Amino acid sequence: MNRRSFPVILEEDVDGGYVISCPFFEGCYSQGETIEEALKNIKEVISLCLEELPKREISYSSFPERIGFHMVSV
């Protein structure tokens, strides 16, 4: 099986732990008490998302190579 890389977004939860999501797949999110646990969990969820799309070829052109995060004041 070819390994693929996907972007993930990791946020610290106000109640403790971390929430993590993969914007490439709708509804692809998880959580963990530590960053390492959240990353492990999102890998499992991404694997499940890929199983749901066995015939769909993943196109890397559908998300940017670089993803930035900026703070703005309003």
PDB file of N, CA and C in Angstrom:
ATOM      1  N   MET A   1       0.845  -1.190   0.000  1.00  0.00           N
ATOM      2  CA  MET A   1       0.000   0.000   0.000  1.00  0.00           C
ATOM      3  C   MET A   1       0.884   1.244   0.000  1.00  0.00           C
ATOM      4  N   ASN A   2       0.586   2.167  -0.888  1.00  0.00           N
ATOM      5  CA  ASN A   2       1.343   3.411  -0.952  1.00  0.00           C
ATOM      6  C   ASN A   2       0.968   4.311   0.212  1.00  0.00           C
ATOM      7  N   ARG A   3       1.989   4.895   0.822  1.00  0.00           N
ATOM      8  CA  ARG A   3       1.733   5.842   1.902  1.00  0.00           C
ATOM      9  C   ARG A   3       1.429   7.199   1.290  1.00  0.00           C
ATOM     10  N   ARG A   4       0.460   7.881   1.843  1.00  0.00           N
ATOM     11  CA  ARG A   4       0.062   9.200   1.369  1.00  0.00           C
ATOM     12  C   ARG A   4       0.112  10.168   2.537  1.00  0.00           C
ATOM     13  N   SER A   5       0.331  11.412   2.238  1.00  0.00           N
ATOM     14  CA  SER A   5       0.352  12.454   3.267  1.00  0.00           C
ATOM     15  C   SER A   5      -0.861  13.354   3.097  1.00  0.00           C
ATOM     16  N   PHE A   6      -1.464  13.716   4.205  1.00  0.00           N
ATOM     17  CA  PHE A   6      -2.632  14.586   4.201  1.00  0.00           C
ATOM     18  C   PHE A   6      -2.440  15.676   5.247  1.00  0.00           C
ATOM     19  N   PRO A   7      -2.952  16.882   4.982  1.00  0.00           N
ATOM     20  CA  PRO A   7      -2.863  17.944   5.979  1.00  0.00           C
ATOM     21  C   PRO A   7      -3.831  17.674   7.125  1.00  0.00           C
ATOM     22  N   VAL A   8      -3.420  18.023   8.331  1.00  0.00           N
ATOM     23  CA  VAL A   8      -4.306  17.929   9.493  1.00  0.00           C
ATOM     24  C   VAL A   8      -4.233  19.243  10.267  1.00  0.00           C
ATOM     25  N   ILE A   9      -5.305  19.540  10.973  1.00  0.00           N
ATOM     26  CA  ILE A   9      -5.386  20.740  11.802  1.00  0.00           C
ATOM     27  C   ILE A   9      -5.540  20.284  13.244  1.00  0.00           C
ATOM     28  N   LEU A  10      -4.646  20.733  14.097  1.00  0.00           N
ATOM     29  CA  LEU A  10      -4.629  20.342  15.505  1.00  0.00           C
ATOM     30  C   LEU A  10      -4.943  21.564  16.361  1.00  0.00           C
ATOM     31  N   GLU A  11      -5.924  21.426  17.240  1.00  0.00           N
ATOM     32  CA  GLU A  11      -6.313  22.522  18.126  1.00  0.00           C
ATOM     33  C   GLU A  11      -6.355  22.027  19.566  1.00  0.00           C
ATOM     34  N   GLU A  12      -5.884  22.854  20.475  1.00  0.00           N
ATOM     35  CA  GLU A  12      -5.985  22.517  21.891  1.00  0.00           C
ATOM     36  C   GLU A  12      -7.425  22.766  22.331  1.00  0.00           C
ATOM     37  N   ASP A  13      -8.023  21.787  23.007  1.00  0.00           N
ATOM     38  CA  ASP A  13      -9.405  21.896  23.464  1.00  0.00           C
ATOM     39  C   ASP A  13      -9.440  22.661  24.782  1.00  0.00           C
ATOM     40  N   VAL A  14     -10.434  23.515  24.964  1.00  0.00           N
ATOM     41  CA  VAL A  14     -10.540  24.303  26.194  1.00  0.00           C
ATOM     42  C   VAL A  14     -10.750  23.419  27.417  1.00  0.00           C
ATOM     43  N   ASP A  15     -11.322  22.228  27.223  1.00  0.00           N
ATOM     44  CA  ASP A  15     -11.556  21.306  28.333  1.00  0.00           C
ATOM     45  C   ASP A  15     -10.397  20.344  28.547  1.00  0.00           C
ATOM     46  N   GLY A  16      -9.308  20.532  27.812  1.00  0.00           N
ATOM     47  CA  GLY A  16      -8.149  19.653  27.906  1.00  0.00           C
ATOM     48  C   GLY A  16      -8.069  18.731  26.708  1.00  0.00           C
ATOM     49  N   GLY A  17      -6.883  18.301  26.403  1.00  0.00           N
ATOM     50  CA  GLY A  17      -6.686  17.430  25.258  1.00  0.00           C
ATOM     51  C   GLY A  17      -6.640  18.216  23.964  1.00  0.00           C
ATOM     52  N   TYR A  18      -6.770  17.497  22.857  1.00  0.00           N
ATOM     53  CA  TYR A  18      -6.630  18.098  21.537  1.00  0.00           C
ATOM     54  C   TYR A  18      -7.700  17.574  20.595  1.00  0.00           C
ATOM     55  N   VAL A  19      -8.144  18.444  19.705  1.00  0.00           N
ATOM     56  CA  VAL A  19      -9.077  18.088  18.641  1.00  0.00           C
ATOM     57  C   VAL A  19      -8.287  18.185  17.343  1.00  0.00           C
ATOM     58  N   ILE A  20      -8.453  17.210  16.459  1.00  0.00           N
ATOM     59  CA  ILE A  20      -7.686  17.173  15.218  1.00  0.00           C
ATOM     60  C   ILE A  20      -8.611  16.813  14.063  1.00  0.00           C
ATOM     61  N   SER A  21      -8.374  17.434  12.910  1.00  0.00           N
ATOM     62  CA  SER A  21      -9.211  17.153  11.740  1.00  0.00           C
ATOM     63  C   SER A  21      -8.355  17.132  10.480  1.00  0.00           C
ATOM     64  N   CYS A  22      -8.894  16.486   9.461  1.00  0.00           N
ATOM     65  CA  CYS A  22      -8.263  16.451   8.142  1.00  0.00           C
ATOM     66  C   CYS A  22      -9.223  17.127   7.172  1.00  0.00           C
ATOM     67  N   PRO A  23      -8.907  18.332   6.700  1.00  0.00           N
ATOM     68  CA  PRO A  23      -9.833  19.061   5.836  1.00  0.00           C
ATOM     69  C   PRO A  23     -10.039  18.420   4.468  1.00  0.00           C
ATOM     70  N   PHE A  24      -9.228  17.446   4.115  1.00  0.00           N
ATOM     71  CA  PHE A  24      -9.363  16.783   2.826  1.00  0.00           C
ATOM     72  C   PHE A  24     -10.628  15.933   2.766  1.00  0.00           C
ATOM     73  N   PHE A  25     -11.068  15.409   3.921  1.00  0.00           N
ATOM     74  CA  PHE A  25     -12.251  14.554   3.992  1.00  0.00           C
ATOM     75  C   PHE A  25     -13.308  15.206   4.872  1.00  0.00           C
ATOM     76  N   GLU A  26     -14.524  15.286   4.387  1.00  0.00           N
ATOM     77  CA  GLU A  26     -15.625  15.841   5.168  1.00  0.00           C
ATOM     78  C   GLU A  26     -15.903  14.943   6.370  1.00  0.00           C
ATOM     79  N   GLY A  27     -16.027  15.538   7.543  1.00  0.00           N
ATOM     80  CA  GLY A  27     -16.338  14.783   8.752  1.00  0.00           C
ATOM     81  C   GLY A  27     -15.186  13.969   9.304  1.00  0.00           C
ATOM     82  N   CYS A  28     -13.978  14.261   8.881  1.00  0.00           N
ATOM     83  CA  CYS A  28     -12.800  13.500   9.314  1.00  0.00           C
ATOM     84  C   CYS A  28     -12.143  14.230  10.481  1.00  0.00           C
ATOM     85  N   TYR A  29     -12.479  13.814  11.689  1.00  0.00           N
ATOM     86  CA  TYR A  29     -11.917  14.450  12.872  1.00  0.00           C
ATOM     87  C   TYR A  29     -11.806  13.441  14.000  1.00  0.00           C
ATOM     88  N   SER A  30     -10.993  13.778  14.992  1.00  0.00           N
ATOM     89  CA  SER A  30     -10.805  12.920  16.156  1.00  0.00           C
ATOM     90  C   SER A  30     -10.303  13.785  17.299  1.00  0.00           C
ATOM     91  N   GLN A  31      -9.851  13.135  18.350  1.00  0.00           N
ATOM     92  CA  GLN A  31      -9.325  13.851  19.506  1.00  0.00           C
ATOM     93  C   GLN A  31      -8.331  12.963  20.228  1.00  0.00           C
ATOM     94  N   GLY A  32      -7.652  13.544  21.208  1.00  0.00           N
ATOM     95  CA  GLY A  32      -6.729  12.783  22.033  1.00  0.00           C
ATOM     96  C   GLY A  32      -6.311  13.600  23.236  1.00  0.00           C
ATOM     97  N   GLU A  33      -5.888  12.918  24.278  1.00  0.00           N
ATOM     98  CA  GLU A  33      -5.430  13.609  25.484  1.00  0.00           C
ATOM     99  C   GLU A  33      -4.082  14.292  25.257  1.00  0.00           C
ATOM    100  N   THR A  34      -3.266  13.732  24.353  1.00  0.00           N
ATOM    101  CA  THR A  34      -1.966  14.303  24.011  1.00  0.00           C
ATOM    102  C   THR A  34      -1.912  14.530  22.501  1.00  0.00           C
ATOM    103  N   ILE A  35      -0.922  15.292  22.063  1.00  0.00           N
ATOM    104  CA  ILE A  35      -0.742  15.505  20.628  1.00  0.00           C
ATOM    105  C   ILE A  35      -0.474  14.175  19.939  1.00  0.00           C
ATOM    106  N   GLU A  36       0.367  13.361  20.545  1.00  0.00           N
ATOM    107  CA  GLU A  36       0.708  12.062  19.958  1.00  0.00           C
ATOM    108  C   GLU A  36      -0.525  11.178  19.806  1.00  0.00           C
ATOM    109  N   GLU A  37      -1.382  11.164  20.830  1.00  0.00           N
ATOM    110  CA  GLU A  37      -2.603  10.355  20.766  1.00  0.00           C
ATOM    111  C   GLU A  37      -3.551  10.887  19.692  1.00  0.00           C
ATOM    112  N   ALA A  38      -3.678  12.217  19.604  1.00  0.00           N
ATOM    113  CA  ALA A  38      -4.547  12.812  18.583  1.00  0.00           C
ATOM    114  C   ALA A  38      -4.044  12.467  17.182  1.00  0.00           C
ATOM    115  N   LEU A  39      -2.730  12.524  16.972  1.00  0.00           N
ATOM    116  CA  LEU A  39      -2.160  12.177  15.668  1.00  0.00           C
ATOM    117  C   LEU A  39      -2.383  10.706  15.339  1.00  0.00           C
ATOM    118  N   LYS A  40      -2.211   9.836  16.316  1.00  0.00           N
ATOM    119  CA  LYS A  40      -2.452   8.399  16.113  1.00  0.00           C
ATOM    120  C   LYS A  40      -3.914   8.173  15.737  1.00  0.00           C
ATOM    121  N   ASN A  41      -4.818   8.837  16.448  1.00  0.00           N
ATOM    122  CA  ASN A  41      -6.249   8.663  16.202  1.00  0.00           C
ATOM    123  C   ASN A  41      -6.669   9.180  14.830  1.00  0.00           C
ATOM    124  N   ILE A  42      -6.117  10.329  14.398  1.00  0.00           N
ATOM    125  CA  ILE A  42      -6.531  10.859  13.094  1.00  0.00           C
ATOM    126  C   ILE A  42      -6.010   9.973  11.971  1.00  0.00           C
ATOM    127  N   LYS A  43      -4.872   9.330  12.168  1.00  0.00           N
ATOM    128  CA  LYS A  43      -4.374   8.389  11.155  1.00  0.00           C
ATOM    129  C   LYS A  43      -5.364   7.238  10.972  1.00  0.00           C
ATOM    130  N   GLU A  44      -5.928   6.756  12.064  1.00  0.00           N
ATOM    131  CA  GLU A  44      -6.928   5.684  11.982  1.00  0.00           C
ATOM    132  C   GLU A  44      -8.181   6.167  11.251  1.00  0.00           C
ATOM    133  N   VAL A  45      -8.616   7.387  11.556  1.00  0.00           N
ATOM    134  CA  VAL A  45      -9.818   7.932  10.921  1.00  0.00           C
ATOM    135  C   VAL A  45      -9.575   8.157   9.424  1.00  0.00           C
ATOM    136  N   ILE A  46      -8.404   8.683   9.065  1.00  0.00           N
ATOM    137  CA  ILE A  46      -8.081   8.877   7.648  1.00  0.00           C
ATOM    138  C   ILE A  46      -8.070   7.534   6.928  1.00  0.00           C
ATOM    139  N   SER A  47      -7.522   6.507   7.569  1.00  0.00           N
ATOM    140  CA  SER A  47      -7.523   5.165   6.966  1.00  0.00           C
ATOM    141  C   SER A  47      -8.945   4.690   6.698  1.00  0.00           C
ATOM    142  N   LEU A  48      -9.852   4.943   7.641  1.00  0.00           N
ATOM    143  CA  LEU A  48     -11.256   4.569   7.446  1.00  0.00           C
ATOM    144  C   LEU A  48     -11.885   5.366   6.302  1.00  0.00           C
ATOM    145  N   CYS A  49     -11.556   6.650   6.215  1.00  0.00           N
ATOM    146  CA  CYS A  49     -12.073   7.470   5.112  1.00  0.00           C
ATOM    147  C   CYS A  49     -11.584   6.933   3.775  1.00  0.00           C
ATOM    148  N   LEU A  50     -10.329   6.513   3.718  1.00  0.00           N
ATOM    149  CA  LEU A  50      -9.777   5.965   2.477  1.00  0.00           C
ATOM    150  C   LEU A  50     -10.448   4.650   2.104  1.00  0.00           C
ATOM    151  N   GLU A  51     -10.792   3.845   3.107  1.00  0.00           N
ATOM    152  CA  GLU A  51     -11.492   2.585   2.833  1.00  0.00           C
ATOM    153  C   GLU A  51     -12.867   2.835   2.230  1.00  0.00           C
ATOM    154  N   GLU A  52     -13.493   3.949   2.597  1.00  0.00           N
ATOM    155  CA  GLU A  52     -14.811   4.289   2.073  1.00  0.00           C
ATOM    156  C   GLU A  52     -14.741   4.741   0.619  1.00  0.00           C
ATOM    157  N   LEU A  53     -13.551   5.087   0.166  1.00  0.00           N
ATOM    158  CA  LEU A  53     -13.384   5.597  -1.194  1.00  0.00           C
ATOM    159  C   LEU A  53     -12.407   4.726  -1.977  1.00  0.00           C
ATOM    160  N   PRO A  54     -12.623   3.416  -2.044  1.00  0.00           N
ATOM    161  CA  PRO A  54     -11.620   2.534  -2.646  1.00  0.00           C
ATOM    162  C   PRO A  54     -11.381   2.761  -4.128  1.00  0.00           C
ATOM    163  N   LYS A  55     -12.370   3.244  -4.843  1.00  0.00           N
ATOM    164  CA  LYS A  55     -12.209   3.418  -6.283  1.00  0.00           C
ATOM    165  C   LYS A  55     -11.825   4.842  -6.665  1.00  0.00           C
ATOM    166  N   ARG A  56     -11.852   5.715  -5.710  1.00  0.00           N
ATOM    167  CA  ARG A  56     -11.528   7.114  -5.998  1.00  0.00           C
ATOM    168  C   ARG A  56     -10.016   7.314  -5.907  1.00  0.00           C
ATOM    169  N   GLU A  57      -9.456   7.844  -6.945  1.00  0.00           N
ATOM    170  CA  GLU A  57      -8.028   8.148  -6.930  1.00  0.00           C
ATOM    171  C   GLU A  57      -7.835   9.473  -6.191  1.00  0.00           C
ATOM    172  N   ILE A  58      -6.956   9.476  -5.218  1.00  0.00           N
ATOM    173  CA  ILE A  58      -6.701  10.686  -4.451  1.00  0.00           C
ATOM    174  C   ILE A  58      -5.865  11.635  -5.308  1.00  0.00           C
ATOM    175  N   SER A  59      -6.367  12.831  -5.495  1.00  0.00           N
ATOM    176  CA  SER A  59      -5.667  13.828  -6.298  1.00  0.00           C
ATOM    177  C   SER A  59      -5.053  14.871  -5.381  1.00  0.00           C
ATOM    178  N   TYR A  60      -3.736  14.969  -5.440  1.00  0.00           N
ATOM    179  CA  TYR A  60      -3.064  15.959  -4.610  1.00  0.00           C
ATOM    180  C   TYR A  60      -3.305  17.379  -5.104  1.00  0.00           C
ATOM    181  N   SER A  61      -3.857  17.534  -6.296  1.00  0.00           N
ATOM    182  CA  SER A  61      -4.142  18.875  -6.790  1.00  0.00           C
ATOM    183  C   SER A  61      -5.357  19.476  -6.099  1.00  0.00           C
ATOM    184  N   SER A  62      -6.082  18.683  -5.313  1.00  0.00           N
ATOM    185  CA  SER A  62      -7.284  19.194  -4.667  1.00  0.00           C
ATOM    186  C   SER A  62      -7.004  19.920  -3.359  1.00  0.00           C
ATOM    187  N   PHE A  63      -5.763  19.913  -2.898  1.00  0.00           N
ATOM    188  CA  PHE A  63      -5.413  20.765  -1.769  1.00  0.00           C
ATOM    189  C   PHE A  63      -4.039  21.367  -2.003  1.00  0.00           C
ATOM    190  N   PRO A  64      -3.806  22.549  -1.445  1.00  0.00           N
ATOM    191  CA  PRO A  64      -2.554  23.252  -1.717  1.00  0.00           C
ATOM    192  C   PRO A  64      -1.353  22.553  -1.092  1.00  0.00           C
ATOM    193  N   GLU A  65      -0.176  22.798  -1.690  1.00  0.00           N
ATOM    194  CA  GLU A  65       1.049  22.238  -1.138  1.00  0.00           C
ATOM    195  C   GLU A  65       1.377  22.875   0.202  1.00  0.00           C
ATOM    196  N   ARG A  66       1.093  24.156   0.322  1.00  0.00           N
ATOM    197  CA  ARG A  66       1.381  24.868   1.560  1.00  0.00           C
ATOM    198  C   ARG A  66       0.075  25.342   2.173  1.00  0.00           C
ATOM    199  N   ILE A  67      -0.003  25.188   3.461  1.00  0.00           N
ATOM    200  CA  ILE A  67      -1.162  25.671   4.196  1.00  0.00           C
ATOM    201  C   ILE A  67      -0.635  26.604   5.271  1.00  0.00           C
ATOM    202  N   GLY A  68      -1.161  27.807   5.322  1.00  0.00           N
ATOM    203  CA  GLY A  68      -0.700  28.784   6.291  1.00  0.00           C
ATOM    204  C   GLY A  68      -1.786  29.115   7.304  1.00  0.00           C
ATOM    205  N   PHE A  69      -1.354  29.623   8.421  1.00  0.00           N
ATOM    206  CA  PHE A  69      -2.266  30.035   9.480  1.00  0.00           C
ATOM    207  C   PHE A  69      -1.859  31.439   9.880  1.00  0.00           C
ATOM    208  N   HIS A  70      -2.797  32.362   9.850  1.00  0.00           N
ATOM    209  CA  HIS A  70      -2.506  33.749  10.179  1.00  0.00           C
ATOM    210  C   HIS A  70      -3.529  34.260  11.179  1.00  0.00           C
ATOM    211  N   MET A  71      -3.083  35.119  12.055  1.00  0.00           N
ATOM    212  CA  MET A  71      -3.977  35.784  12.998  1.00  0.00           C
ATOM    213  C   MET A  71      -4.280  37.172  12.451  1.00  0.00           C
ATOM    214  N   VAL A  72      -5.538  37.575  12.510  1.00  0.00           N
ATOM    215  CA  VAL A  72      -5.926  38.922  12.110  1.00  0.00           C
ATOM    216  C   VAL A  72      -6.688  39.570  13.254  1.00  0.00           C
ATOM    217  N   SER A  73      -6.516  40.856  13.399  1.00  0.00           N
ATOM    218  CA  SER A  73      -7.243  41.607  14.423  1.00  0.00           C
ATOM    219  C   SER A  73      -8.332  42.418  13.751  1.00  0.00           C
ATOM    220  N   VAL A  74      -9.522  42.407  14.342  1.00  0.00           N
ATOM    221  CA  VAL A  74     -10.633  43.187  13.793  1.00  0.00           C
ATOM    222  C   VAL A  74     -11.269  44.013  14.884  1.00  0.00           C
TER     223      VAL A  74
END
